[in-house]
Amino acid sequence: MVIDPTNGSLYVATYNGLFRTKYGGNSFAKVLHFQGGEDKLVEVSITSTGRIYVTFPTDGEPSKGFFTSADGDI
């Protein structure tokens, strides 16, 4: 879990996606989907300016596994 310091959005990473809530946890929307499994590690970081970095499982696909968003809009 990580909170965006620029707008208070909460991001939760699970084994199959990244979810965001803008409503204090009342509802979540899937903003990124990725293939994973319970043994996969997903990491999310958000800078003080709102840039989001996500690393996620790729199952061997070399062109995938890293995502970034400069404006926090995924």
PDB file of N, CA and C in Angstrom:
ATOM      1  N   MET A   1       0.842  -1.170   0.000  1.00  0.00           N
ATOM      2  CA  MET A   1       0.000   0.000   0.000  1.00  0.00           C
ATOM      3  C   MET A   1       0.890   1.236   0.000  1.00  0.00           C
ATOM      4  N   VAL A   2       0.397   2.241  -0.692  1.00  0.00           N
ATOM      5  CA  VAL A   2       1.111   3.512  -0.710  1.00  0.00           C
ATOM      6  C   VAL A   2       0.085   4.625  -0.935  1.00  0.00           C
ATOM      7  N   ILE A   3       0.345   5.777  -0.334  1.00  0.00           N
ATOM      8  CA  ILE A   3      -0.547   6.930  -0.471  1.00  0.00           C
ATOM      9  C   ILE A   3       0.143   7.980  -1.320  1.00  0.00           C
ATOM     10  N   ASP A   4      -0.588   8.528  -2.277  1.00  0.00           N
ATOM     11  CA  ASP A   4      -0.072   9.607  -3.113  1.00  0.00           C
ATOM     12  C   ASP A   4      -0.079  10.886  -2.276  1.00  0.00           C
ATOM     13  N   PRO A   5       1.086  11.475  -2.008  1.00  0.00           N
ATOM     14  CA  PRO A   5       1.136  12.666  -1.164  1.00  0.00           C
ATOM     15  C   PRO A   5       0.541  13.913  -1.810  1.00  0.00           C
ATOM     16  N   THR A   6       0.321  13.877  -3.113  1.00  0.00           N
ATOM     17  CA  THR A   6      -0.218  15.059  -3.785  1.00  0.00           C
ATOM     18  C   THR A   6      -1.733  15.125  -3.763  1.00  0.00           C
ATOM     19  N   ASN A   7      -2.406  13.963  -3.603  1.00  0.00           N
ATOM     20  CA  ASN A   7      -3.874  13.997  -3.645  1.00  0.00           C
ATOM     21  C   ASN A   7      -4.550  13.043  -2.659  1.00  0.00           C
ATOM     22  N   GLY A   8      -3.773  12.273  -1.904  1.00  0.00           N
ATOM     23  CA  GLY A   8      -4.346  11.380  -0.903  1.00  0.00           C
ATOM     24  C   GLY A   8      -4.892  10.066  -1.427  1.00  0.00           C
ATOM     25  N   SER A   9      -4.758   9.801  -2.724  1.00  0.00           N
ATOM     26  CA  SER A   9      -5.222   8.521  -3.269  1.00  0.00           C
ATOM     27  C   SER A   9      -4.420   7.380  -2.655  1.00  0.00           C
ATOM     28  N   LEU A  10      -5.089   6.284  -2.365  1.00  0.00           N
ATOM     29  CA  LEU A  10      -4.458   5.095  -1.804  1.00  0.00           C
ATOM     30  C   LEU A  10      -4.345   4.047  -2.894  1.00  0.00           C
ATOM     31  N   TYR A  11      -3.149   3.482  -3.067  1.00  0.00           N
ATOM     32  CA  TYR A  11      -2.900   2.424  -4.037  1.00  0.00           C
ATOM     33  C   TYR A  11      -2.601   1.139  -3.285  1.00  0.00           C
ATOM     34  N   VAL A  12      -3.204   0.048  -3.732  1.00  0.00           N
ATOM     35  CA  VAL A  12      -2.980  -1.264  -3.138  1.00  0.00           C
ATOM     36  C   VAL A  12      -2.583  -2.219  -4.255  1.00  0.00           C
ATOM     37  N   ALA A  13      -1.434  -2.854  -4.109  1.00  0.00           N
ATOM     38  CA  ALA A  13      -0.960  -3.824  -5.097  1.00  0.00           C
ATOM     39  C   ALA A  13      -1.298  -5.224  -4.610  1.00  0.00           C
ATOM     40  N   THR A  14      -1.851  -6.029  -5.518  1.00  0.00           N
ATOM     41  CA  THR A  14      -2.147  -7.423  -5.228  1.00  0.00           C
ATOM     42  C   THR A  14      -1.412  -8.280  -6.247  1.00  0.00           C
ATOM     43  N   TYR A  15      -1.588  -9.574  -6.177  1.00  0.00           N
ATOM     44  CA  TYR A  15      -0.890 -10.463  -7.105  1.00  0.00           C
ATOM     45  C   TYR A  15      -1.389 -10.345  -8.537  1.00  0.00           C
ATOM     46  N   ASN A  16      -2.524  -9.708  -8.779  1.00  0.00           N
ATOM     47  CA  ASN A  16      -3.020  -9.607 -10.156  1.00  0.00           C
ATOM     48  C   ASN A  16      -3.370  -8.200 -10.588  1.00  0.00           C
ATOM     49  N   GLY A  17      -3.014  -7.192  -9.815  1.00  0.00           N
ATOM     50  CA  GLY A  17      -3.317  -5.853 -10.264  1.00  0.00           C
ATOM     51  C   GLY A  17      -3.005  -4.788  -9.235  1.00  0.00           C
ATOM     52  N   LEU A  18      -3.095  -3.560  -9.699  1.00  0.00           N
ATOM     53  CA  LEU A  18      -2.931  -2.394  -8.847  1.00  0.00           C
ATOM     54  C   LEU A  18      -4.281  -1.707  -8.770  1.00  0.00           C
ATOM     55  N   PHE A  19      -4.712  -1.423  -7.558  1.00  0.00           N
ATOM     56  CA  PHE A  19      -6.016  -0.817  -7.325  1.00  0.00           C
ATOM     57  C   PHE A  19      -5.832   0.537  -6.660  1.00  0.00           C
ATOM     58  N   ARG A  20      -6.759   1.468  -6.953  1.00  0.00           N
ATOM     59  CA  ARG A  20      -6.686   2.814  -6.389  1.00  0.00           C
ATOM     60  C   ARG A  20      -8.044   3.196  -5.825  1.00  0.00           C
ATOM     61  N   THR A  21      -8.013   3.895  -4.715  1.00  0.00           N
ATOM     62  CA  THR A  21      -9.224   4.499  -4.199  1.00  0.00           C
ATOM     63  C   THR A  21      -8.997   5.992  -4.036  1.00  0.00           C
ATOM     64  N   LYS A  22      -9.974   6.749  -4.450  1.00  0.00           N
ATOM     65  CA  LYS A  22      -9.961   8.196  -4.258  1.00  0.00           C
ATOM     66  C   LYS A  22     -10.998   8.586  -3.218  1.00  0.00           C
ATOM     67  N   TYR A  23     -11.630   7.592  -2.621  1.00  0.00           N
ATOM     68  CA  TYR A  23     -12.792   7.846  -1.776  1.00  0.00           C
ATOM     69  C   TYR A  23     -12.614   7.276  -0.377  1.00  0.00           C
ATOM     70  N   GLY A  24     -11.418   7.341   0.163  1.00  0.00           N
ATOM     71  CA  GLY A  24     -11.177   6.896   1.517  1.00  0.00           C
ATOM     72  C   GLY A  24     -11.350   5.413   1.750  1.00  0.00           C
ATOM     73  N   GLY A  25     -11.251   4.607   0.708  1.00  0.00           N
ATOM     74  CA  GLY A  25     -11.359   3.165   0.846  1.00  0.00           C
ATOM     75  C   GLY A  25     -12.756   2.618   0.670  1.00  0.00           C
ATOM     76  N   ASN A  26     -13.730   3.474   0.373  1.00  0.00           N
ATOM     77  CA  ASN A  26     -15.103   2.996   0.175  1.00  0.00           C
ATOM     78  C   ASN A  26     -15.244   2.148  -1.072  1.00  0.00           C
ATOM     79  N   SER A  27     -14.465   2.441  -2.100  1.00  0.00           N
ATOM     80  CA  SER A  27     -14.475   1.632  -3.317  1.00  0.00           C
ATOM     81  C   SER A  27     -13.099   1.730  -3.970  1.00  0.00           C
ATOM     82  N   PHE A  28     -12.733   0.662  -4.667  1.00  0.00           N
ATOM     83  CA  PHE A  28     -11.449   0.605  -5.357  1.00  0.00           C
ATOM     84  C   PHE A  28     -11.682   0.320  -6.833  1.00  0.00           C
ATOM     85  N   ALA A  29     -10.814   0.882  -7.671  1.00  0.00           N
ATOM     86  CA  ALA A  29     -10.852   0.607  -9.109  1.00  0.00           C
ATOM     87  C   ALA A  29      -9.508   0.013  -9.511  1.00  0.00           C
ATOM     88  N   LYS A  30      -9.542  -1.008 -10.364  1.00  0.00           N
ATOM     89  CA  LYS A  30      -8.297  -1.594 -10.876  1.00  0.00           C
ATOM     90  C   LYS A  30      -7.732  -0.639 -11.918  1.00  0.00           C
ATOM     91  N   VAL A  31      -6.488  -0.208 -11.702  1.00  0.00           N
ATOM     92  CA  VAL A  31      -5.862   0.737 -12.617  1.00  0.00           C
ATOM     93  C   VAL A  31      -4.743   0.108 -13.442  1.00  0.00           C
ATOM     94  N   LEU A  32      -4.219  -1.029 -13.009  1.00  0.00           N
ATOM     95  CA  LEU A  32      -3.238  -1.788 -13.786  1.00  0.00           C
ATOM     96  C   LEU A  32      -3.519  -3.268 -13.579  1.00  0.00           C
ATOM     97  N   HIS A  33      -3.446  -4.018 -14.665  1.00  0.00           N
ATOM     98  CA  HIS A  33      -3.622  -5.467 -14.567  1.00  0.00           C
ATOM     99  C   HIS A  33      -2.317  -6.126 -14.971  1.00  0.00           C
ATOM    100  N   PHE A  34      -1.925  -7.125 -14.227  1.00  0.00           N
ATOM    101  CA  PHE A  34      -0.764  -7.905 -14.618  1.00  0.00           C
ATOM    102  C   PHE A  34      -0.937  -9.332 -14.144  1.00  0.00           C
ATOM    103  N   GLN A  35      -0.313 -10.232 -14.903  1.00  0.00           N
ATOM    104  CA  GLN A  35      -0.355 -11.643 -14.545  1.00  0.00           C
ATOM    105  C   GLN A  35       0.604 -11.859 -13.386  1.00  0.00           C
ATOM    106  N   GLY A  36       0.171 -12.572 -12.436  1.00  0.00           N
ATOM    107  CA  GLY A  36       1.036 -12.809 -11.292  1.00  0.00           C
ATOM    108  C   GLY A  36       0.718 -14.126 -10.641  1.00  0.00           C
ATOM    109  N   GLY A  37       0.993 -14.183  -9.432  1.00  0.00           N
ATOM    110  CA  GLY A  37       0.746 -15.345  -8.608  1.00  0.00           C
ATOM    111  C   GLY A  37       1.051 -14.976  -7.175  1.00  0.00           C
ATOM    112  N   GLU A  38       0.663 -15.807  -6.275  1.00  0.00           N
ATOM    113  CA  GLU A  38       0.838 -15.471  -4.873  1.00  0.00           C
ATOM    114  C   GLU A  38       2.298 -15.305  -4.474  1.00  0.00           C
ATOM    115  N   ASP A  39       3.212 -15.870  -5.247  1.00  0.00           N
ATOM    116  CA  ASP A  39       4.621 -15.767  -4.903  1.00  0.00           C
ATOM    117  C   ASP A  39       5.323 -14.624  -5.627  1.00  0.00           C
ATOM    118  N   LYS A  40       4.581 -13.770  -6.303  1.00  0.00           N
ATOM    119  CA  LYS A  40       5.165 -12.669  -7.055  1.00  0.00           C
ATOM    120  C   LYS A  40       5.217 -11.416  -6.189  1.00  0.00           C
ATOM    121  N   LEU A  41       6.219 -10.585  -6.429  1.00  0.00           N
ATOM    122  CA  LEU A  41       6.403  -9.360  -5.677  1.00  0.00           C
ATOM    123  C   LEU A  41       6.056  -8.169  -6.558  1.00  0.00           C
ATOM    124  N   VAL A  42       5.205  -7.304  -6.047  1.00  0.00           N
ATOM    125  CA  VAL A  42       4.833  -6.067  -6.726  1.00  0.00           C
ATOM    126  C   VAL A  42       5.261  -4.922  -5.821  1.00  0.00           C
ATOM    127  N   GLU A  43       5.906  -3.923  -6.405  1.00  0.00           N
ATOM    128  CA  GLU A  43       6.325  -2.772  -5.622  1.00  0.00           C
ATOM    129  C   GLU A  43       5.779  -1.506  -6.249  1.00  0.00           C
ATOM    130  N   VAL A  44       5.359  -0.583  -5.397  1.00  0.00           N
ATOM    131  CA  VAL A  44       4.817   0.698  -5.835  1.00  0.00           C
ATOM    132  C   VAL A  44       5.492   1.800  -5.032  1.00  0.00           C
ATOM    133  N   SER A  45       5.938   2.848  -5.718  1.00  0.00           N
ATOM    134  CA  SER A  45       6.506   4.026  -5.066  1.00  0.00           C
ATOM    135  C   SER A  45       5.892   5.259  -5.700  1.00  0.00           C
ATOM    136  N   ILE A  46       5.661   6.259  -4.885  1.00  0.00           N
ATOM    137  CA  ILE A  46       5.145   7.532  -5.383  1.00  0.00           C
ATOM    138  C   ILE A  46       6.021   8.634  -4.809  1.00  0.00           C
ATOM    139  N   THR A  47       6.510   9.503  -5.685  1.00  0.00           N
ATOM    140  CA  THR A  47       7.373  10.593  -5.253  1.00  0.00           C
ATOM    141  C   THR A  47       6.543  11.732  -4.675  1.00  0.00           C
ATOM    142  N   SER A  48       7.222  12.698  -4.093  1.00  0.00           N
ATOM    143  CA  SER A  48       6.539  13.856  -3.506  1.00  0.00           C
ATOM    144  C   SER A  48       5.849  14.714  -4.558  1.00  0.00           C
ATOM    145  N   THR A  49       6.217  14.528  -5.831  1.00  0.00           N
ATOM    146  CA  THR A  49       5.571  15.272  -6.914  1.00  0.00           C
ATOM    147  C   THR A  49       4.457  14.478  -7.590  1.00  0.00           C
ATOM    148  N   GLY A  50       4.220  13.238  -7.136  1.00  0.00           N
ATOM    149  CA  GLY A  50       3.132  12.435  -7.680  1.00  0.00           C
ATOM    150  C   GLY A  50       3.520  11.456  -8.768  1.00  0.00           C
ATOM    151  N   ARG A  51       4.801  11.366  -9.103  1.00  0.00           N
ATOM    152  CA  ARG A  51       5.231  10.374 -10.098  1.00  0.00           C
ATOM    153  C   ARG A  51       5.122   8.994  -9.473  1.00  0.00           C
ATOM    154  N   ILE A  52       4.518   8.058 -10.221  1.00  0.00           N
ATOM    155  CA  ILE A  52       4.296   6.704  -9.735  1.00  0.00           C
ATOM    156  C   ILE A  52       5.233   5.743 -10.458  1.00  0.00           C
ATOM    157  N   TYR A  53       5.852   4.858  -9.696  1.00  0.00           N
ATOM    158  CA  TYR A  53       6.681   3.788 -10.233  1.00  0.00           C
ATOM    159  C   TYR A  53       6.108   2.464  -9.755  1.00  0.00           C
ATOM    160  N   VAL A  54       5.933   1.518 -10.684  1.00  0.00           N
ATOM    161  CA  VAL A  54       5.420   0.196 -10.338  1.00  0.00           C
ATOM    162  C   VAL A  54       6.298  -0.850 -11.007  1.00  0.00           C
ATOM    163  N   THR A  55       6.744  -1.830 -10.244  1.00  0.00           N
ATOM    164  CA  THR A  55       7.394  -3.009 -10.810  1.00  0.00           C
ATOM    165  C   THR A  55       6.495  -4.197 -10.521  1.00  0.00           C
ATOM    166  N   PHE A  56       6.388  -5.093 -11.493  1.00  0.00           N
ATOM    167  CA  PHE A  56       5.454  -6.206 -11.352  1.00  0.00           C
ATOM    168  C   PHE A  56       5.956  -7.414 -12.126  1.00  0.00           C
ATOM    169  N   PRO A  57       5.397  -8.590 -11.827  1.00  0.00           N
ATOM    170  CA  PRO A  57       5.851  -9.828 -12.467  1.00  0.00           C
ATOM    171  C   PRO A  57       5.572  -9.833 -13.961  1.00  0.00           C
ATOM    172  N   THR A  58       6.490 -10.443 -14.719  1.00  0.00           N
ATOM    173  CA  THR A  58       6.344 -10.468 -16.174  1.00  0.00           C
ATOM    174  C   THR A  58       6.263 -11.864 -16.747  1.00  0.00           C
ATOM    175  N   ASP A  59       6.529 -12.859 -15.968  1.00  0.00           N
ATOM    176  CA  ASP A  59       6.563 -14.239 -16.457  1.00  0.00           C
ATOM    177  C   ASP A  59       7.485 -14.384 -17.659  1.00  0.00           C
ATOM    178  N   GLY A  60       8.647 -13.696 -17.603  1.00  0.00           N
ATOM    179  CA  GLY A  60       9.669 -13.849 -18.626  1.00  0.00           C
ATOM    180  C   GLY A  60       9.558 -12.928 -19.820  1.00  0.00           C
ATOM    181  N   GLU A  61       8.597 -12.023 -19.852  1.00  0.00           N
ATOM    182  CA  GLU A  61       8.469 -11.096 -20.975  1.00  0.00           C
ATOM    183  C   GLU A  61       9.385  -9.903 -20.729  1.00  0.00           C
ATOM    184  N   PRO A  62      10.461  -9.767 -21.497  1.00  0.00           N
ATOM    185  CA  PRO A  62      11.463  -8.745 -21.212  1.00  0.00           C
ATOM    186  C   PRO A  62      10.997  -7.311 -21.429  1.00  0.00           C
ATOM    187  N   SER A  63       9.967  -7.084 -22.211  1.00  0.00           N
ATOM    188  CA  SER A  63       9.529  -5.716 -22.485  1.00  0.00           C
ATOM    189  C   SER A  63       8.507  -5.224 -21.470  1.00  0.00           C
ATOM    190  N   LYS A  64       8.233  -6.012 -20.456  1.00  0.00           N
ATOM    191  CA  LYS A  64       7.242  -5.617 -19.459  1.00  0.00           C
ATOM    192  C   LYS A  64       7.867  -5.670 -18.074  1.00  0.00           C
ATOM    193  N   GLY A  65       7.132  -5.215 -17.084  1.00  0.00           N
ATOM    194  CA  GLY A  65       7.599  -5.335 -15.715  1.00  0.00           C
ATOM    195  C   GLY A  65       7.823  -4.028 -15.000  1.00  0.00           C
ATOM    196  N   PHE A  66       7.810  -2.910 -15.738  1.00  0.00           N
ATOM    197  CA  PHE A  66       8.035  -1.607 -15.128  1.00  0.00           C
ATOM    198  C   PHE A  66       7.047  -0.620 -15.716  1.00  0.00           C
ATOM    199  N   PHE A  67       6.448   0.181 -14.849  1.00  0.00           N
ATOM    200  CA  PHE A  67       5.502   1.189 -15.295  1.00  0.00           C
ATOM    201  C   PHE A  67       5.789   2.469 -14.538  1.00  0.00           C
ATOM    202  N   THR A  68       5.644   3.599 -15.219  1.00  0.00           N
ATOM    203  CA  THR A  68       5.753   4.889 -14.551  1.00  0.00           C
ATOM    204  C   THR A  68       4.714   5.844 -15.115  1.00  0.00           C
ATOM    205  N   SER A  69       4.269   6.740 -14.274  1.00  0.00           N
ATOM    206  CA  SER A  69       3.310   7.763 -14.679  1.00  0.00           C
ATOM    207  C   SER A  69       3.772   9.087 -14.094  1.00  0.00           C
ATOM    208  N   ALA A  70       4.019  10.061 -14.953  1.00  0.00           N
ATOM    209  CA  ALA A  70       4.519  11.357 -14.503  1.00  0.00           C
ATOM    210  C   ALA A  70       3.470  12.168 -13.765  1.00  0.00           C
ATOM    211  N   ASP A  71       2.206  11.975 -14.116  1.00  0.00           N
ATOM    212  CA  ASP A  71       1.158  12.812 -13.532  1.00  0.00           C
ATOM    213  C   ASP A  71       0.220  12.059 -12.594  1.00  0.00           C
ATOM    214  N   GLY A  72       0.523  10.813 -12.281  1.00  0.00           N
ATOM    215  CA  GLY A  72      -0.308  10.042 -11.369  1.00  0.00           C
ATOM    216  C   GLY A  72      -1.553   9.465 -11.981  1.00  0.00           C
ATOM    217  N   ASP A  73      -1.771   9.711 -13.262  1.00  0.00           N
ATOM    218  CA  ASP A  73      -2.956   9.175 -13.930  1.00  0.00           C
ATOM    219  C   ASP A  73      -2.588   7.868 -14.612  1.00  0.00           C
ATOM    220  N   ILE A  74      -3.089   6.794 -14.068  1.00  0.00           N
ATOM    221  CA  ILE A  74      -2.768   5.476 -14.617  1.00  0.00           C
ATOM    222  C   ILE A  74      -3.906   5.011 -15.498  1.00  0.00           C
TER     223      ILE A  74
END
